[in-house]
């Protein structure tokens, strides 16, 4: 994460709360990983290449705005039901 990503996460935390920050980091990493692996497998990016992280953080923050509470409740319900 660069300093721009840190500032973006600060804005997400200020406007949406700490739950959104946790979700945004995990969701952005998940989406970025899927895109990165896909780009490597299709040989559009090198294994040692750099992919910006900010767009994936923004996408995850937008997902939080629209579906955040529903996703959070589903996650908490799943954790309670696990043995």
N, C-alpha and C. Protein backbone atom coordinates (compact mmCIF):
# COMPACT_ATOMS: atom_id res chain seq x y z
N UNK A 1 0.84 -1.18 0.00
CA UNK A 1 0.00 0.00 0.00
C UNK A 1 0.89 1.25 0.00
N UNK A 2 0.54 2.15 -0.89
CA UNK A 2 1.24 3.43 -0.93
C UNK A 2 0.55 4.45 -0.03
N UNK A 3 1.08 5.64 0.01
CA UNK A 3 0.49 6.67 0.86
C UNK A 3 -0.89 7.11 0.36
N UNK A 4 -1.12 7.02 -0.94
CA UNK A 4 -2.45 7.35 -1.46
C UNK A 4 -3.50 6.36 -0.97
N UNK A 5 -3.11 5.09 -0.88
CA UNK A 5 -4.02 4.07 -0.38
C UNK A 5 -4.33 4.30 1.11
N UNK A 6 -3.34 4.73 1.84
CA UNK A 6 -3.54 5.01 3.27
C UNK A 6 -4.51 6.18 3.44
N UNK A 7 -4.33 7.21 2.62
CA UNK A 7 -5.24 8.36 2.68
C UNK A 7 -6.65 7.95 2.28
N UNK A 8 -6.77 7.11 1.28
CA UNK A 8 -8.08 6.61 0.87
C UNK A 8 -8.74 5.84 2.00
N UNK A 9 -7.99 5.01 2.70
CA UNK A 9 -8.56 4.25 3.81
C UNK A 9 -8.93 5.17 4.96
N UNK A 10 -8.18 6.25 5.15
CA UNK A 10 -8.55 7.23 6.17
C UNK A 10 -9.88 7.89 5.85
N UNK A 11 -10.08 8.19 4.56
CA UNK A 11 -11.36 8.78 4.14
C UNK A 11 -12.50 7.79 4.30
N UNK A 12 -12.26 6.54 3.96
CA UNK A 12 -13.29 5.51 4.13
C UNK A 12 -13.64 5.39 5.61
N UNK A 13 -12.65 5.38 6.48
CA UNK A 13 -12.91 5.28 7.91
C UNK A 13 -13.65 6.50 8.45
N UNK A 14 -13.30 7.67 7.95
CA UNK A 14 -13.96 8.89 8.43
C UNK A 14 -15.41 8.97 8.00
N UNK A 15 -15.70 8.54 6.79
CA UNK A 15 -17.06 8.67 6.28
C UNK A 15 -17.94 7.44 6.55
N UNK A 16 -17.34 6.25 6.58
CA UNK A 16 -18.15 5.04 6.67
C UNK A 16 -17.95 4.23 7.95
N UNK A 17 -16.91 4.51 8.72
CA UNK A 17 -16.70 3.80 9.98
C UNK A 17 -15.67 2.69 9.89
N UNK A 18 -15.31 2.16 11.07
CA UNK A 18 -14.23 1.18 11.12
C UNK A 18 -14.62 -0.17 10.51
N UNK A 19 -15.90 -0.53 10.56
CA UNK A 19 -16.32 -1.78 9.92
C UNK A 19 -16.05 -1.71 8.42
N UNK A 20 -16.29 -0.56 7.84
CA UNK A 20 -16.07 -0.38 6.41
C UNK A 20 -14.59 -0.48 6.07
N UNK A 21 -13.72 -0.02 6.96
CA UNK A 21 -12.28 -0.10 6.71
C UNK A 21 -11.84 -1.56 6.65
N UNK A 22 -12.28 -2.35 7.61
CA UNK A 22 -11.93 -3.78 7.60
C UNK A 22 -12.45 -4.47 6.35
N UNK A 23 -13.70 -4.21 6.02
CA UNK A 23 -14.29 -4.82 4.83
C UNK A 23 -13.57 -4.36 3.57
N UNK A 24 -13.22 -3.09 3.49
CA UNK A 24 -12.59 -2.55 2.30
C UNK A 24 -11.20 -3.14 2.09
N UNK A 25 -10.43 -3.30 3.14
CA UNK A 25 -9.10 -3.89 3.00
C UNK A 25 -9.20 -5.34 2.54
N UNK A 26 -10.06 -6.12 3.17
CA UNK A 26 -10.19 -7.53 2.81
C UNK A 26 -10.82 -7.68 1.42
N UNK A 27 -11.88 -6.93 1.17
CA UNK A 27 -12.54 -7.01 -0.14
C UNK A 27 -11.66 -6.52 -1.27
N UNK A 28 -10.92 -5.43 -1.04
CA UNK A 28 -10.01 -4.93 -2.06
C UNK A 28 -8.89 -5.91 -2.35
N UNK A 29 -8.36 -6.54 -1.31
CA UNK A 29 -7.31 -7.54 -1.51
C UNK A 29 -7.85 -8.75 -2.27
N UNK A 30 -9.06 -9.17 -1.97
CA UNK A 30 -9.66 -10.31 -2.65
C UNK A 30 -9.87 -10.01 -4.14
N UNK A 31 -10.48 -8.88 -4.43
CA UNK A 31 -10.74 -8.52 -5.83
C UNK A 31 -9.42 -8.28 -6.57
N UNK A 32 -8.49 -7.58 -5.93
CA UNK A 32 -7.19 -7.33 -6.56
C UNK A 32 -6.43 -8.61 -6.84
N UNK A 33 -6.52 -9.58 -5.93
CA UNK A 33 -5.86 -10.87 -6.13
C UNK A 33 -6.45 -11.63 -7.31
N UNK A 34 -7.77 -11.62 -7.39
CA UNK A 34 -8.43 -12.31 -8.50
C UNK A 34 -8.04 -11.67 -9.83
N UNK A 35 -8.05 -10.35 -9.89
CA UNK A 35 -7.68 -9.65 -11.13
C UNK A 35 -6.21 -9.89 -11.44
N UNK A 36 -5.34 -9.80 -10.43
CA UNK A 36 -3.91 -9.99 -10.65
C UNK A 36 -3.57 -11.38 -11.16
N UNK A 37 -4.15 -12.40 -10.56
CA UNK A 37 -3.90 -13.77 -11.00
C UNK A 37 -4.43 -13.97 -12.42
N UNK A 38 -5.59 -13.40 -12.71
CA UNK A 38 -6.15 -13.51 -14.06
C UNK A 38 -5.23 -12.83 -15.07
N UNK A 39 -4.71 -11.67 -14.75
CA UNK A 39 -3.80 -10.98 -15.67
C UNK A 39 -2.51 -11.76 -15.87
N UNK A 40 -2.01 -12.37 -14.83
CA UNK A 40 -0.78 -13.17 -14.96
C UNK A 40 -1.03 -14.42 -15.80
N UNK A 41 -2.16 -15.08 -15.56
CA UNK A 41 -2.46 -16.30 -16.32
C UNK A 41 -2.72 -16.03 -17.79
N UNK A 42 -3.29 -14.87 -18.10
CA UNK A 42 -3.53 -14.52 -19.51
C UNK A 42 -2.33 -13.79 -20.12
N UNK A 43 -1.24 -13.70 -19.36
CA UNK A 43 0.02 -13.10 -19.79
C UNK A 43 -0.11 -11.64 -20.19
N UNK A 44 -1.03 -10.94 -19.56
CA UNK A 44 -1.15 -9.49 -19.78
C UNK A 44 -0.35 -8.70 -18.77
N UNK A 45 0.12 -9.37 -17.73
CA UNK A 45 0.96 -8.73 -16.72
C UNK A 45 2.07 -9.71 -16.34
N UNK A 46 3.21 -9.16 -15.94
CA UNK A 46 4.32 -9.99 -15.51
C UNK A 46 4.15 -10.36 -14.03
N UNK A 47 4.79 -11.44 -13.65
CA UNK A 47 4.70 -11.90 -12.28
C UNK A 47 5.28 -10.87 -11.31
N UNK A 48 6.29 -10.15 -11.74
CA UNK A 48 6.95 -9.15 -10.90
C UNK A 48 6.38 -7.75 -11.11
N UNK A 49 5.31 -7.63 -11.90
CA UNK A 49 4.75 -6.33 -12.23
C UNK A 49 3.99 -5.70 -11.07
N UNK A 50 3.64 -4.43 -11.27
CA UNK A 50 2.91 -3.68 -10.25
C UNK A 50 1.49 -3.42 -10.74
N UNK A 51 0.53 -3.60 -9.86
CA UNK A 51 -0.87 -3.32 -10.16
C UNK A 51 -1.36 -2.33 -9.11
N UNK A 52 -1.97 -1.22 -9.53
CA UNK A 52 -2.46 -0.25 -8.53
C UNK A 52 -3.54 -0.87 -7.64
N UNK A 53 -3.51 -0.53 -6.36
CA UNK A 53 -4.43 -1.11 -5.39
C UNK A 53 -5.64 -0.22 -5.13
N UNK A 54 -5.51 1.07 -5.40
CA UNK A 54 -6.58 2.03 -5.12
C UNK A 54 -7.91 1.73 -5.77
N UNK A 55 -7.93 1.34 -7.06
CA UNK A 55 -9.23 1.03 -7.68
C UNK A 55 -9.97 -0.12 -7.02
N UNK A 56 -9.22 -1.10 -6.52
CA UNK A 56 -9.87 -2.24 -5.86
C UNK A 56 -10.36 -1.87 -4.47
N UNK A 57 -9.64 -0.99 -3.81
CA UNK A 57 -10.12 -0.47 -2.53
C UNK A 57 -11.40 0.35 -2.74
N UNK A 58 -11.40 1.15 -3.79
CA UNK A 58 -12.59 1.96 -4.08
C UNK A 58 -13.79 1.08 -4.42
N UNK A 59 -13.56 0.02 -5.18
CA UNK A 59 -14.64 -0.90 -5.53
C UNK A 59 -15.20 -1.58 -4.28
N UNK A 60 -14.32 -1.99 -3.37
CA UNK A 60 -14.78 -2.63 -2.13
C UNK A 60 -15.52 -1.63 -1.24
N UNK A 61 -15.06 -0.38 -1.20
CA UNK A 61 -15.77 0.63 -0.41
C UNK A 61 -17.14 0.91 -0.99
N UNK A 62 -17.25 0.92 -2.31
CA UNK A 62 -18.55 1.11 -2.96
C UNK A 62 -19.47 -0.07 -2.67
N UNK A 63 -18.92 -1.28 -2.65
CA UNK A 63 -19.72 -2.45 -2.29
C UNK A 63 -20.22 -2.33 -0.85
N UNK A 64 -19.40 -1.75 0.04
CA UNK A 64 -19.82 -1.56 1.42
C UNK A 64 -20.98 -0.58 1.51
N UNK A 65 -20.92 0.47 0.70
CA UNK A 65 -21.98 1.49 0.73
C UNK A 65 -23.32 0.86 0.36
N UNK A 66 -23.32 0.00 -0.66
CA UNK A 66 -24.59 -0.57 -1.13
C UNK A 66 -25.02 -1.81 -0.35
N UNK A 67 -24.07 -2.70 -0.01
CA UNK A 67 -24.44 -3.98 0.59
C UNK A 67 -23.73 -4.25 1.91
N UNK A 68 -23.11 -3.25 2.52
CA UNK A 68 -22.29 -3.46 3.71
C UNK A 68 -22.98 -4.09 4.89
N UNK A 69 -24.06 -3.49 5.39
CA UNK A 69 -24.70 -4.09 6.56
C UNK A 69 -25.20 -5.52 6.31
N UNK A 70 -25.69 -5.77 5.11
CA UNK A 70 -26.15 -7.12 4.77
C UNK A 70 -24.98 -8.10 4.78
N UNK A 71 -23.86 -7.71 4.20
CA UNK A 71 -22.67 -8.57 4.18
C UNK A 71 -22.11 -8.77 5.58
N UNK A 72 -22.11 -7.72 6.40
CA UNK A 72 -21.60 -7.83 7.76
C UNK A 72 -22.46 -8.78 8.59
N UNK A 73 -23.77 -8.67 8.48
CA UNK A 73 -24.67 -9.56 9.21
C UNK A 73 -24.49 -11.00 8.76
N UNK A 74 -24.34 -11.20 7.46
CA UNK A 74 -24.12 -12.55 6.95
C UNK A 74 -22.82 -13.14 7.46
N UNK A 75 -21.77 -12.33 7.50
CA UNK A 75 -20.49 -12.80 8.01
C UNK A 75 -20.58 -13.15 9.50
N UNK A 76 -21.20 -12.28 10.28
CA UNK A 76 -21.35 -12.55 11.72
C UNK A 76 -22.19 -13.80 11.96
N UNK A 77 -23.25 -13.97 11.18
CA UNK A 77 -24.10 -15.15 11.31
C UNK A 77 -23.31 -16.41 10.96
N UNK A 78 -22.47 -16.33 9.94
CA UNK A 78 -21.64 -17.47 9.55
C UNK A 78 -20.63 -17.82 10.63
N UNK A 79 -20.05 -16.83 11.27
CA UNK A 79 -19.05 -17.09 12.32
C UNK A 79 -19.69 -17.69 13.57
N UNK A 80 -20.92 -17.32 13.87
CA UNK A 80 -21.61 -17.86 15.04
C UNK A 80 -21.96 -19.33 14.81
N UNK A 81 -22.31 -19.69 13.59
CA UNK A 81 -22.76 -21.04 13.28
C UNK A 81 -21.61 -22.02 13.10
N UNK A 82 -20.37 -21.54 12.95
CA UNK A 82 -19.24 -22.46 12.75
C UNK A 82 -18.94 -23.21 14.03
N UNK A 83 -18.60 -24.49 13.91
CA UNK A 83 -18.30 -25.27 15.13
C UNK A 83 -16.94 -24.93 15.70
